[in-house]
């Protein structure tokens, strides 16, 4: 089982040094520290384990070190920055693992790319030595790139000519959309195995600055100091302890706020969220004292871990059923406290974390259904889970023999701007695309208790069902969904979830990921004579020349 929990004492591939407002992150991959057998992580190449550590570091910098304003990413090895994703790992991995690996690395890069705007933490990539493939994609997600101007340092995206695959973690899109590299120059760059160095890399906008090797360290230090200005120097971070969780013999997982039950035979998993029993903090000081014990942050960490666990360790659970239990008013109060304190760094970071988690759920290749039952607490941030679902079923009234209160849905101010999707819109704005009247009708009842009939009339749920129809309708839906092709469902859902404007992020997770998914299955890449399979054997790849 792949575990996504890491602590600094577990790191094998990265070293983090924090000095006031500047943090330096050294990539120093342990060649023998691969997650699986059959390959060595030479030349700072990476696998999922390397990126799990990086994801943990990015989170810790936001919560444990809010005083940091600039993060310098550099190599601890001579003459190489990063060779990218380990090719032998990719060649031997299952298709499912390859795709999920690329998706996770994309999410990690998006997280530190957005840190400058969201958290005032600017990532600076200092490249000395060869920087190829996923290594350059790691750099592209940084906010500023410095390249040593010497004979050994270059940047490259050689996947097409070398491996017959695509740069899988946003490289193609970030070249054109972020760095504004001309399309023809990007074509030349992506077809050149040896990459580009020096002045040409600067002229083509592949990097932001080039400096002689003798001045490299001084230039990096100067840039870090420049970007660190305005850091929250008086902010004091919170501890980021390991998660409390337990798994039973059947594979179910119990967290403090969440239970995950997996039914492998029926191909589904149920997430039951326990609403808070405690009142929200009354002061910011109390929130900071609570730290990771605060309910919204605790649930965020546990839900994040559960989503990743299901992606990688339960690939046959194609349907995720989201349920909840608790008091909607208390859930809404916890969210409202954070929304009412936008100037506090911790309150803001918790909301930003929820934004990232909900995006992770959006791009998870699973059918999502929310069951809003009696006694549920889909309010505030938890209502977003219902809006993220492909369908939502809401119980109308109470059920016979069930003394739980009737189901209610409750919107909040956060429903309209706190958790934008990859398309830049809220889930409600995406739901009611170009229908401002319906969206404003929903905004007008913010904070109200909405019963099933009202929620259905407002378009907030797919179906409202009474006690007589509930069990049969849910059973039929679950059985029908299980009968469909998982491939067709993944494609359908990915297309329907991202209505509205296209952004760099939707292109990375939609267009680029979809094409890479396809390429990863093609014989030209992974067949017996494909480039990825033939790499390192001394045998030239043989391609089927038919264009599809």
Protein backbone atom coordinates (compact mmCIF):
# COMPACT_ATOMS: atom_id res chain seq x y z
CA UNK A 1 0.00 0.00 0.00
CA UNK A 2 1.27 3.47 -0.88
CA UNK A 3 1.35 5.78 2.13
CA UNK A 4 1.24 9.53 1.55
CA UNK A 5 2.24 10.46 5.09
CA UNK A 6 5.75 11.88 5.49
CA UNK A 7 7.64 13.70 8.23
CA UNK A 8 11.02 15.45 7.92
CA UNK A 9 12.78 12.56 9.63
CA UNK A 10 11.51 10.28 6.83
CA UNK A 11 12.92 12.36 3.95
CA UNK A 12 15.38 10.49 1.73
CA UNK A 13 15.41 12.77 -1.30
CA UNK A 14 15.14 16.39 -0.17
CA UNK A 15 16.84 18.65 2.38
CA UNK A 16 15.13 21.80 3.62
CA UNK A 17 17.01 24.68 5.24
CA UNK A 18 15.08 27.68 6.57
CA UNK A 19 16.92 30.92 7.31
CA UNK A 20 14.50 33.67 8.26
CA UNK A 21 12.41 34.68 5.26
CA UNK A 22 14.33 32.44 2.83
CA UNK A 23 14.08 28.65 2.58
CA UNK A 24 16.40 26.55 0.43
CA UNK A 25 15.18 23.22 -0.81
CA UNK A 26 17.93 20.89 -1.99
CA UNK A 27 17.05 18.03 -4.32
CA UNK A 28 19.35 15.18 -3.33
CA UNK A 29 17.64 12.01 -4.50
CA UNK A 30 18.80 8.74 -2.96
CA UNK A 31 19.55 6.46 -5.92
CA UNK A 32 18.59 3.39 -3.92
CA UNK A 33 15.45 4.97 -2.46
CA UNK A 34 12.98 4.05 -5.18
CA UNK A 35 9.43 3.22 -4.18
CA UNK A 36 9.52 -0.04 -6.15
CA UNK A 37 12.18 -2.54 -7.24
CA UNK A 38 13.76 -2.58 -10.67
CA UNK A 39 15.28 0.88 -11.04
CA UNK A 40 17.73 3.30 -9.48
CA UNK A 41 16.98 7.01 -9.15
CA UNK A 42 20.15 8.21 -10.84
CA UNK A 43 20.86 11.84 -11.78
CA UNK A 44 18.18 13.20 -9.41
CA UNK A 45 15.49 11.39 -11.36
CA UNK A 46 12.32 10.90 -9.40
CA UNK A 47 9.41 8.57 -8.77
CA UNK A 48 6.22 8.96 -6.73
CA UNK A 49 8.10 8.68 -3.43
CA UNK A 50 10.26 11.70 -4.28
CA UNK A 51 7.18 13.74 -5.10
CA UNK A 52 5.30 12.66 -1.98
CA UNK A 53 8.14 14.17 0.04
CA UNK A 54 8.03 17.36 -2.03
CA UNK A 55 4.27 17.67 -1.48
CA UNK A 56 4.78 17.34 2.26
CA UNK A 57 7.49 20.02 2.23
CA UNK A 58 5.29 22.47 0.30
CA UNK A 59 2.50 21.99 2.85
CA UNK A 60 4.88 22.38 5.80
CA UNK A 61 6.30 25.59 4.39
CA UNK A 62 2.81 27.08 4.30
CA UNK A 63 1.74 25.97 7.77
CA UNK A 64 4.95 25.52 9.78
CA UNK A 65 6.92 28.36 8.17
CA UNK A 66 4.56 31.21 7.20
CA UNK A 67 7.47 33.60 7.81
CA UNK A 68 9.16 32.34 4.62
CA UNK A 69 8.75 34.59 1.58
CA UNK A 70 11.09 32.92 -0.90
CA UNK A 71 11.88 29.26 -1.52
CA UNK A 72 14.98 28.41 -3.57
CA UNK A 73 14.86 25.01 -5.28
CA UNK A 74 18.26 23.70 -6.31
CA UNK A 75 20.24 20.51 -6.74
CA UNK A 76 22.68 19.12 -4.19
CA UNK A 77 24.47 17.12 -6.91
CA UNK A 78 27.21 18.27 -9.26
CA UNK A 79 26.47 18.94 -12.94
CA UNK A 80 22.85 17.87 -12.80
CA UNK A 81 19.72 19.60 -11.61
CA UNK A 82 17.15 16.88 -12.32
CA UNK A 83 16.81 14.25 -15.05
CA UNK A 84 13.02 14.13 -14.65
CA UNK A 85 10.77 11.18 -13.97
CA UNK A 86 12.72 7.93 -13.83
CA UNK A 87 12.34 6.26 -17.20
CA UNK A 88 12.76 2.69 -16.00
CA UNK A 89 10.12 3.34 -13.38
CA UNK A 90 7.75 4.58 -16.08
CA UNK A 91 8.62 1.66 -18.36
CA UNK A 92 7.77 -0.88 -15.67
CA UNK A 93 4.76 0.83 -14.08
CA UNK A 94 1.17 -0.07 -14.76
CA UNK A 95 -0.83 2.32 -16.91
CA UNK A 96 -2.95 3.28 -13.90
CA UNK A 97 0.10 4.12 -11.81
CA UNK A 98 1.69 6.19 -14.59
CA UNK A 99 -1.43 8.31 -15.05
CA UNK A 100 -2.02 8.79 -11.31
CA UNK A 101 1.68 9.59 -10.83
CA UNK A 102 1.50 12.34 -13.46
CA UNK A 103 -1.70 13.70 -11.93
CA UNK A 104 -0.19 13.85 -8.43
CA UNK A 105 2.99 15.56 -9.65
CA UNK A 106 0.82 18.07 -11.53
CA UNK A 107 -1.12 18.84 -8.36
CA UNK A 108 2.08 19.29 -6.37
CA UNK A 109 3.52 21.69 -8.93
CA UNK A 110 0.28 23.66 -9.06
CA UNK A 111 0.44 23.97 -5.28
CA UNK A 112 3.82 25.67 -5.17
CA UNK A 113 3.18 27.59 -8.37
CA UNK A 114 0.18 29.28 -6.75
CA UNK A 115 2.02 29.90 -3.47
CA UNK A 116 3.28 33.32 -4.55
CA UNK A 117 -0.21 34.70 -5.13
CA UNK A 118 -2.00 32.78 -2.40
CA UNK A 119 0.59 32.66 0.39
CA UNK A 120 3.28 35.20 -0.48
CA UNK A 121 5.84 32.40 -0.91
CA UNK A 122 7.72 32.75 -4.19
CA UNK A 123 9.51 29.68 -5.57
CA UNK A 124 12.82 30.33 -7.35
CA UNK A 125 14.46 27.57 -9.36
CA UNK A 126 18.26 27.73 -9.48
CA UNK A 127 19.48 25.47 -12.29
CA UNK A 128 23.11 24.46 -12.46
CA UNK A 129 23.71 21.39 -14.57
CA UNK A 130 21.41 19.45 -16.85
CA UNK A 131 17.69 20.01 -16.31
CA UNK A 132 15.57 17.72 -18.46
CA UNK A 133 12.00 16.51 -18.81
CA UNK A 134 10.16 16.49 -15.51
CA UNK A 135 13.11 18.33 -13.98
CA UNK A 136 12.41 21.30 -16.24
CA UNK A 137 8.70 20.94 -15.52
CA UNK A 138 9.56 21.21 -11.83
CA UNK A 139 11.35 24.44 -12.74
CA UNK A 140 8.54 25.72 -14.97
CA UNK A 141 6.12 25.63 -12.04
CA UNK A 142 8.42 27.92 -10.05
CA UNK A 143 7.81 31.64 -10.27
CA UNK A 144 11.34 32.56 -11.38
CA UNK A 145 14.08 30.51 -13.11
CA UNK A 146 17.81 31.26 -12.95
CA UNK A 147 20.11 29.26 -15.24
CA UNK A 148 23.87 29.03 -14.92
CA UNK A 149 25.50 30.19 -18.16
CA UNK A 150 28.08 27.45 -18.57
CA UNK A 151 28.78 24.43 -20.75
CA UNK A 152 27.06 21.95 -18.40
CA UNK A 153 23.77 23.74 -17.73
CA UNK A 154 20.76 23.48 -20.01
CA UNK A 155 16.99 22.98 -20.05
CA UNK A 156 15.20 20.36 -22.14
CA UNK A 157 11.87 18.68 -22.75
CA UNK A 158 13.08 15.63 -24.75
CA UNK A 159 10.11 13.31 -24.18
CA UNK A 160 8.80 13.35 -27.76
CA UNK A 161 12.06 12.45 -29.59
CA UNK A 162 13.49 10.31 -26.79
CA UNK A 163 10.54 8.42 -25.32
CA UNK A 164 7.56 8.91 -27.66
CA UNK A 165 5.51 10.39 -24.81
CA UNK A 166 4.64 13.92 -23.70
CA UNK A 167 6.02 16.10 -20.92
CA UNK A 168 3.40 14.88 -18.47
CA UNK A 169 3.34 17.50 -15.73
CA UNK A 170 2.32 20.67 -17.51
CA UNK A 171 5.45 21.44 -19.52
CA UNK A 172 3.84 21.99 -22.91
CA UNK A 173 1.11 24.18 -21.48
CA UNK A 174 3.35 26.25 -19.23
CA UNK A 175 5.69 27.00 -22.15
CA UNK A 176 2.96 28.67 -24.15
CA UNK A 177 0.45 29.88 -21.56
CA UNK A 178 2.72 30.90 -18.70
CA UNK A 179 6.06 31.76 -20.26
CA UNK A 180 4.60 32.89 -23.59
CA UNK A 181 7.14 30.94 -25.64
CA UNK A 182 6.35 31.27 -29.34
CA UNK A 183 4.69 28.15 -30.74
CA UNK A 184 7.34 27.55 -33.41
CA UNK A 185 10.18 27.96 -30.91
CA UNK A 186 8.39 25.65 -28.49
CA UNK A 187 8.16 23.11 -31.33
CA UNK A 188 11.92 23.30 -31.90
CA UNK A 189 12.62 23.10 -28.17
CA UNK A 190 10.41 20.03 -27.62
CA UNK A 191 11.98 18.21 -30.58
CA UNK A 192 15.57 18.79 -29.44
CA UNK A 193 17.00 16.04 -27.21
CA UNK A 194 20.03 18.03 -26.09
CA UNK A 195 17.99 21.03 -24.97
CA UNK A 196 18.85 24.72 -24.94
CA UNK A 197 21.36 26.68 -22.88
CA UNK A 198 22.61 30.16 -22.17
CA UNK A 199 21.46 33.21 -24.10
CA UNK A 200 19.15 31.23 -26.38
CA UNK A 201 17.28 29.89 -23.33
CA UNK A 202 16.85 33.48 -22.13
CA UNK A 203 15.89 34.85 -25.55
CA UNK A 204 13.29 32.11 -26.00
CA UNK A 205 11.83 32.89 -22.54
CA UNK A 206 12.66 29.43 -21.25
CA UNK A 207 14.33 31.03 -18.21
CA UNK A 208 14.19 34.44 -16.54
CA UNK A 209 17.87 35.06 -15.88
CA UNK A 210 21.24 33.63 -16.90
CA UNK A 211 24.40 34.23 -14.87
CA UNK A 212 27.99 33.02 -15.18
CA UNK A 213 28.84 30.05 -13.03
CA UNK A 214 31.21 32.14 -10.94
CA UNK A 215 28.39 34.50 -9.93
CA UNK A 216 25.66 31.89 -9.67
CA UNK A 217 25.39 31.56 -5.89
CA UNK A 218 25.50 35.33 -5.34
CA UNK A 219 22.79 35.89 -7.96
CA UNK A 220 20.55 33.26 -6.40
CA UNK A 221 21.00 34.79 -2.96
CA UNK A 222 20.19 38.24 -4.33
CA UNK A 223 17.05 37.03 -6.09
CA UNK A 224 15.84 35.22 -2.98
CA UNK A 225 16.31 38.35 -0.87
CA UNK A 226 14.44 40.42 -3.45
CA UNK A 227 11.45 38.08 -3.58
CA UNK A 228 11.38 37.58 0.19
CA UNK A 229 10.64 41.25 0.83
CA UNK A 230 7.21 41.62 2.34
CA UNK A 231 7.25 38.17 3.94
CA UNK A 232 5.17 37.68 7.09
CA UNK A 233 8.22 37.97 9.35
CA UNK A 234 6.18 38.00 12.57
CA UNK A 235 4.03 34.98 11.67
CA UNK A 236 4.53 31.95 13.88
CA UNK A 237 3.74 28.59 12.31
CA UNK A 238 1.89 25.63 13.75
CA UNK A 239 3.02 22.04 14.21
CA UNK A 240 2.22 19.59 11.41
CA UNK A 241 2.00 16.24 13.21
CA UNK A 242 1.31 12.84 11.61
CA UNK A 243 -2.31 11.98 10.94
CA UNK A 244 -4.24 9.80 13.37
CA UNK A 245 -5.79 6.96 11.39
CA UNK A 246 -6.45 3.26 11.69
CA UNK A 247 -7.22 0.58 9.09
CA UNK A 248 -9.12 -2.61 9.77
CA UNK A 249 -8.65 -6.03 8.21
CA UNK A 250 -11.19 -5.24 5.50
CA UNK A 251 -9.29 -2.18 4.33
CA UNK A 252 -11.64 0.41 5.80
CA UNK A 253 -9.94 3.48 7.30
CA UNK A 254 -11.02 5.47 10.33
CA UNK A 255 -9.80 9.02 10.83
CA UNK A 256 -10.89 11.40 13.56
CA UNK A 257 -13.43 13.15 11.30
CA UNK A 258 -13.87 10.70 8.46
CA UNK A 259 -14.58 7.04 7.77
CA UNK A 260 -13.74 5.40 4.45
CA UNK A 261 -15.47 2.11 3.69
CA UNK A 262 -14.44 0.20 0.56
CA UNK A 263 -16.63 -2.40 -1.12
CA UNK A 264 -14.26 -3.89 -3.68
CA UNK A 265 -16.81 -6.41 -4.94
CA UNK A 266 -19.28 -3.68 -5.88
CA UNK A 267 -16.56 -1.25 -7.00
CA UNK A 268 -17.43 1.58 -4.67
CA UNK A 269 -16.19 3.45 -1.62
CA UNK A 270 -18.19 5.48 0.90
CA UNK A 271 -16.81 8.55 2.65
CA UNK A 272 -18.73 9.42 5.81
CA UNK A 273 -17.77 12.82 7.21
CA UNK A 274 -18.44 13.48 10.88
CA UNK A 275 -19.41 17.10 11.49
CA UNK A 276 -17.86 18.97 14.41
CA UNK A 277 -19.17 18.40 17.92
CA UNK A 278 -17.22 21.34 19.31
CA UNK A 279 -18.01 25.01 18.78
CA UNK A 280 -15.79 27.01 16.42
CA UNK A 281 -12.93 29.06 17.87
CA UNK A 282 -14.02 32.28 19.50
CA UNK A 283 -10.76 34.12 18.84
CA UNK A 284 -7.85 33.93 16.40
CA UNK A 285 -5.57 33.09 19.32
CA UNK A 286 -7.73 30.04 20.05
CA UNK A 287 -7.52 28.97 16.39
CA UNK A 288 -3.73 29.17 16.51
CA UNK A 289 -3.58 27.23 19.76
CA UNK A 290 -5.76 24.53 18.21
CA UNK A 291 -3.48 24.30 15.17
CA UNK A 292 -4.05 21.04 13.30
CA UNK A 293 -6.65 20.11 15.90
CA UNK A 294 -9.08 22.71 14.51
CA UNK A 295 -11.93 20.80 12.89
CA UNK A 296 -11.74 22.32 9.41
CA UNK A 297 -7.99 21.80 9.16
CA UNK A 298 -8.18 18.32 10.67
CA UNK A 299 -10.85 17.25 8.19
CA UNK A 300 -8.96 18.87 5.31
CA UNK A 301 -5.83 16.81 6.03
CA UNK A 302 -7.79 13.60 6.49
CA UNK A 303 -9.93 14.04 3.38
CA UNK A 304 -6.83 14.85 1.32
CA UNK A 305 -5.14 11.65 2.51
CA UNK A 306 -8.29 9.60 1.85
CA UNK A 307 -8.63 10.85 -1.74
CA UNK A 308 -5.02 9.94 -2.51
CA UNK A 309 -5.38 6.56 -0.81
CA UNK A 310 -8.41 5.73 -2.96
CA UNK A 311 -6.68 6.88 -6.14
CA UNK A 312 -3.59 4.73 -5.72
CA UNK A 313 -4.62 1.87 -3.44
CA UNK A 314 -8.23 1.22 -4.45
CA UNK A 315 -8.25 1.56 -8.25
CA UNK A 316 -11.33 -0.65 -8.63
CA UNK A 317 -13.47 1.59 -6.43
CA UNK A 318 -14.83 3.54 -9.37
CA UNK A 319 -17.69 5.21 -7.50
CA UNK A 320 -17.18 7.46 -4.48
CA UNK A 321 -20.27 7.99 -2.32
CA UNK A 322 -19.99 11.09 -0.12
CA UNK A 323 -22.17 11.23 3.00
CA UNK A 324 -22.09 13.24 6.20
CA UNK A 325 -23.47 13.26 9.73
CA UNK A 326 -23.78 16.20 12.10
CA UNK A 327 -25.24 19.63 12.68
CA UNK A 328 -25.24 21.87 9.57
CA UNK A 329 -25.33 25.04 11.69
CA UNK A 330 -22.13 24.06 13.51
CA UNK A 331 -20.35 23.26 10.24
CA UNK A 332 -21.40 26.64 8.87
CA UNK A 333 -20.16 28.38 12.02
CA UNK A 334 -16.69 26.83 11.71
CA UNK A 335 -16.39 28.00 8.12
CA UNK A 336 -17.83 31.44 8.92
CA UNK A 337 -15.15 32.03 11.57
CA UNK A 338 -12.41 31.51 8.97
CA UNK A 339 -14.18 33.63 6.36
CA UNK A 340 -14.56 36.44 8.91
CA UNK A 341 -10.77 36.61 9.46
CA UNK A 342 -9.24 37.02 5.98
CA UNK A 343 -6.24 38.92 7.36
CA UNK A 344 -5.08 36.07 9.56
CA UNK A 345 -2.56 33.88 7.78
CA UNK A 346 -3.74 30.59 9.34
CA UNK A 347 -7.44 31.18 8.68
CA UNK A 348 -6.58 32.05 5.08
CA UNK A 349 -4.32 29.01 4.63
CA UNK A 350 -6.99 26.61 5.87
CA UNK A 351 -9.44 27.96 3.29
CA UNK A 352 -6.76 27.78 0.58
CA UNK A 353 -6.07 24.19 1.55
CA UNK A 354 -9.76 23.40 1.09
CA UNK A 355 -9.62 25.01 -2.33
CA UNK A 356 -6.79 22.65 -3.30
CA UNK A 357 -8.51 19.57 -1.88
CA UNK A 358 -11.73 20.26 -3.73
CA UNK A 359 -9.75 20.69 -6.93
CA UNK A 360 -8.07 17.34 -6.22
CA UNK A 361 -11.52 15.80 -5.92
CA UNK A 362 -12.64 17.47 -9.18
CA UNK A 363 -9.84 15.80 -11.16
CA UNK A 364 -10.09 12.41 -9.48
CA UNK A 365 -11.09 9.78 -12.03
CA UNK A 366 -14.03 8.44 -10.06
CA UNK A 367 -17.77 8.90 -10.34
CA UNK A 368 -18.87 11.12 -7.46
CA UNK A 369 -22.30 11.03 -5.87
CA UNK A 370 -23.45 12.93 -2.77
CA UNK A 371 -26.20 11.42 -0.64
CA UNK A 372 -27.81 14.17 1.44
CA UNK A 373 -29.68 12.06 3.99
CA UNK A 374 -31.52 12.82 7.23
CA UNK A 375 -29.02 13.88 9.87
CA UNK A 376 -26.46 15.05 7.29
CA UNK A 377 -24.52 18.31 7.48
CA UNK A 378 -23.91 19.51 3.94
CA UNK A 379 -23.42 23.16 4.85
CA UNK A 380 -20.74 25.71 4.01
CA UNK A 381 -17.58 23.99 2.80
CA UNK A 382 -19.25 20.55 2.95
CA UNK A 383 -21.92 21.76 0.52
CA UNK A 384 -19.06 22.11 -1.97
CA UNK A 385 -18.72 18.32 -1.90
CA UNK A 386 -22.31 18.04 -3.12
CA UNK A 387 -21.66 20.60 -5.86
CA UNK A 388 -18.48 18.77 -6.87
CA UNK A 389 -20.42 15.51 -7.29
CA UNK A 390 -21.60 14.31 -10.69
CA UNK A 391 -25.02 13.77 -9.12
CA UNK A 392 -26.59 14.57 -5.77
CA UNK A 393 -29.61 12.88 -4.19
CA UNK A 394 -31.39 14.64 -1.33
CA UNK A 395 -33.86 13.03 1.04
CA UNK A 396 -37.20 14.82 1.24
CA UNK A 397 -38.38 14.90 4.87
CA UNK A 398 -37.80 12.31 7.56
CA UNK A 399 -37.78 8.55 7.07
CA UNK A 400 -40.00 6.08 8.87
CA UNK A 401 -38.24 4.62 11.88
CA UNK A 402 -35.42 7.16 11.64
CA UNK A 403 -35.33 9.81 14.33
CA UNK A 404 -32.64 11.92 12.65
CA UNK A 405 -33.69 15.41 11.54
CA UNK A 406 -34.74 16.02 7.96
CA UNK A 407 -31.96 16.78 5.50
CA UNK A 408 -31.09 20.42 4.90
CA UNK A 409 -28.62 22.15 2.61
CA UNK A 410 -27.07 25.46 3.63
CA UNK A 411 -25.08 27.81 1.39
CA UNK A 412 -22.52 30.28 2.71
CA UNK A 413 -20.54 33.23 1.44
CA UNK A 414 -17.79 30.71 0.70
CA UNK A 415 -20.05 28.96 -1.80
CA UNK A 416 -19.58 31.88 -4.20
CA UNK A 417 -15.90 32.79 -4.07
CA UNK A 418 -13.75 30.89 -1.56
CA UNK A 419 -13.11 27.64 -3.44
CA UNK A 420 -12.82 28.30 -7.18
CA UNK A 421 -12.44 25.38 -9.56
CA UNK A 422 -9.62 25.03 -12.07
CA UNK A 423 -11.68 27.13 -14.50
CA UNK A 424 -11.54 30.08 -12.09
CA UNK A 425 -15.26 29.92 -11.28
CA UNK A 426 -17.06 28.74 -8.17
CA UNK A 427 -18.83 25.39 -8.42
CA UNK A 428 -22.17 27.17 -8.31
CA UNK A 429 -21.15 29.57 -11.08
CA UNK A 430 -20.01 26.58 -13.13
CA UNK A 431 -23.28 24.79 -12.34
CA UNK A 432 -25.34 27.79 -13.50
CA UNK A 433 -23.04 28.82 -16.33
CA UNK A 434 -24.20 32.08 -17.97
CA UNK A 435 -27.36 31.96 -15.85
CA UNK A 436 -26.79 34.92 -13.56
CA UNK A 437 -30.41 35.05 -12.45
CA UNK A 438 -30.37 31.53 -11.02
CA UNK A 439 -27.00 32.17 -9.41
CA UNK A 440 -28.29 35.33 -7.76
CA UNK A 441 -31.37 33.48 -6.55
CA UNK A 442 -29.05 31.06 -4.81
CA UNK A 443 -26.97 33.90 -3.36
CA UNK A 444 -30.13 35.51 -1.96
CA UNK A 445 -30.83 32.53 0.29
CA UNK A 446 -27.29 32.26 1.68
CA UNK A 447 -27.38 30.98 5.24
CA UNK A 448 -30.95 29.67 5.05
CA UNK A 449 -31.92 26.09 5.87
CA UNK A 450 -33.00 24.63 2.53
CA UNK A 451 -35.18 21.55 2.52
CA UNK A 452 -35.12 19.08 -0.34
CA UNK A 453 -37.95 20.63 -2.35
CA UNK A 454 -36.42 24.11 -2.13
CA UNK A 455 -32.93 22.88 -2.97
CA UNK A 456 -34.29 20.96 -5.95
CA UNK A 457 -36.31 23.94 -7.20
CA UNK A 458 -33.18 26.10 -7.01
CA UNK A 459 -31.19 23.54 -9.01
CA UNK A 460 -28.82 22.80 -6.13
CA UNK A 461 -29.41 19.03 -6.16
CA UNK A 462 -30.12 16.54 -8.92
CA UNK A 463 -33.03 14.70 -7.31
CA UNK A 464 -35.20 15.10 -4.20
CA UNK A 465 -36.63 11.73 -3.10
CA UNK A 466 -39.01 10.79 -0.34
CA UNK A 467 -38.89 7.79 1.98
CA UNK A 468 -40.81 5.58 -0.46
CA UNK A 469 -38.47 6.09 -3.43
CA UNK A 470 -35.10 6.69 -1.74
CA UNK A 471 -33.72 3.16 -1.33
CA UNK A 472 -34.84 1.89 -4.75
CA UNK A 473 -33.66 4.94 -6.68
CA UNK A 474 -30.25 4.92 -5.01
CA UNK A 475 -29.86 1.18 -5.58
CA UNK A 476 -30.75 1.51 -9.27
CA UNK A 477 -28.31 4.37 -9.75
CA UNK A 478 -25.45 2.49 -8.08
CA UNK A 479 -26.11 -0.66 -10.10
CA UNK A 480 -26.39 1.29 -13.35
CA UNK A 481 -23.17 3.18 -12.76
CA UNK A 482 -21.31 -0.03 -12.03
CA UNK A 483 -22.47 -1.49 -15.34
CA UNK A 484 -20.91 1.26 -17.49
CA UNK A 485 -17.41 1.26 -18.98
CA UNK A 486 -15.00 2.93 -16.54
CA UNK A 487 -13.09 4.44 -19.48
CA UNK A 488 -16.19 6.03 -20.94
CA UNK A 489 -17.25 7.32 -17.50
CA UNK A 490 -13.84 8.89 -16.84
CA UNK A 491 -13.93 10.69 -20.19
CA UNK A 492 -17.55 11.78 -19.80
CA UNK A 493 -17.06 13.10 -16.27
CA UNK A 494 -13.85 14.94 -17.09
CA UNK A 495 -15.62 16.73 -19.93
CA UNK A 496 -18.75 17.62 -17.97
CA UNK A 497 -17.02 18.83 -14.79
CA UNK A 498 -15.11 21.68 -16.40
CA UNK A 499 -17.66 23.78 -18.18
CA UNK A 500 -16.92 27.45 -18.78
CA UNK A 501 -13.66 29.26 -19.46
CA UNK A 502 -10.51 27.31 -20.16
CA UNK A 503 -7.43 28.16 -18.11
CA UNK A 504 -3.86 26.93 -18.00
CA UNK A 505 -4.90 24.57 -15.22
CA UNK A 506 -7.87 23.08 -17.08
CA UNK A 507 -5.67 22.57 -20.13
CA UNK A 508 -3.08 20.76 -18.03
CA UNK A 509 -5.62 18.47 -16.37
CA UNK A 510 -7.93 18.17 -19.36
CA UNK A 511 -6.22 18.41 -22.71
CA UNK A 512 -2.65 17.51 -21.75
CA UNK A 513 -3.51 14.79 -19.23
CA UNK A 514 -6.04 13.22 -21.60
CA UNK A 515 -3.50 13.06 -24.43
CA UNK A 516 -0.79 11.68 -22.15
CA UNK A 517 -3.25 9.06 -20.89
CA UNK A 518 -3.82 8.02 -24.51
CA UNK A 519 -0.13 8.10 -25.45
CA UNK A 520 0.76 5.95 -22.43
CA UNK A 521 -1.36 3.13 -23.91
CA UNK A 522 -0.08 3.31 -27.46
CA UNK A 523 2.36 0.67 -28.80
CA UNK A 524 4.69 3.42 -30.05
CA UNK A 525 5.37 4.27 -26.42
CA UNK A 526 4.82 1.10 -24.41
CA UNK A 527 4.60 -1.74 -26.94
CA UNK A 528 7.33 -4.36 -27.33
CA UNK A 529 9.26 -2.11 -29.71
CA UNK A 530 8.02 1.18 -28.25
CA UNK A 531 10.37 3.96 -27.20
CA UNK A 532 9.64 3.77 -23.47
CA UNK A 533 10.08 -0.01 -23.46
CA UNK A 534 13.24 0.11 -25.59
CA UNK A 535 14.97 2.87 -23.64
CA UNK A 536 18.33 1.77 -22.25
CA UNK A 537 18.34 -1.58 -24.09
CA UNK A 538 20.46 -0.46 -27.03
CA UNK A 539 17.56 -1.32 -29.32
CA UNK A 540 16.00 1.37 -31.47
CA UNK A 541 12.27 1.89 -31.14
CA UNK A 542 10.10 0.93 -34.11
CA UNK A 543 6.96 2.99 -34.68
CA UNK A 544 3.68 2.31 -36.40
CA UNK A 545 3.62 5.32 -38.71
CA UNK A 546 -0.17 5.53 -38.98
CA UNK A 547 -1.47 8.89 -37.72
CA UNK A 548 -4.56 8.62 -35.55
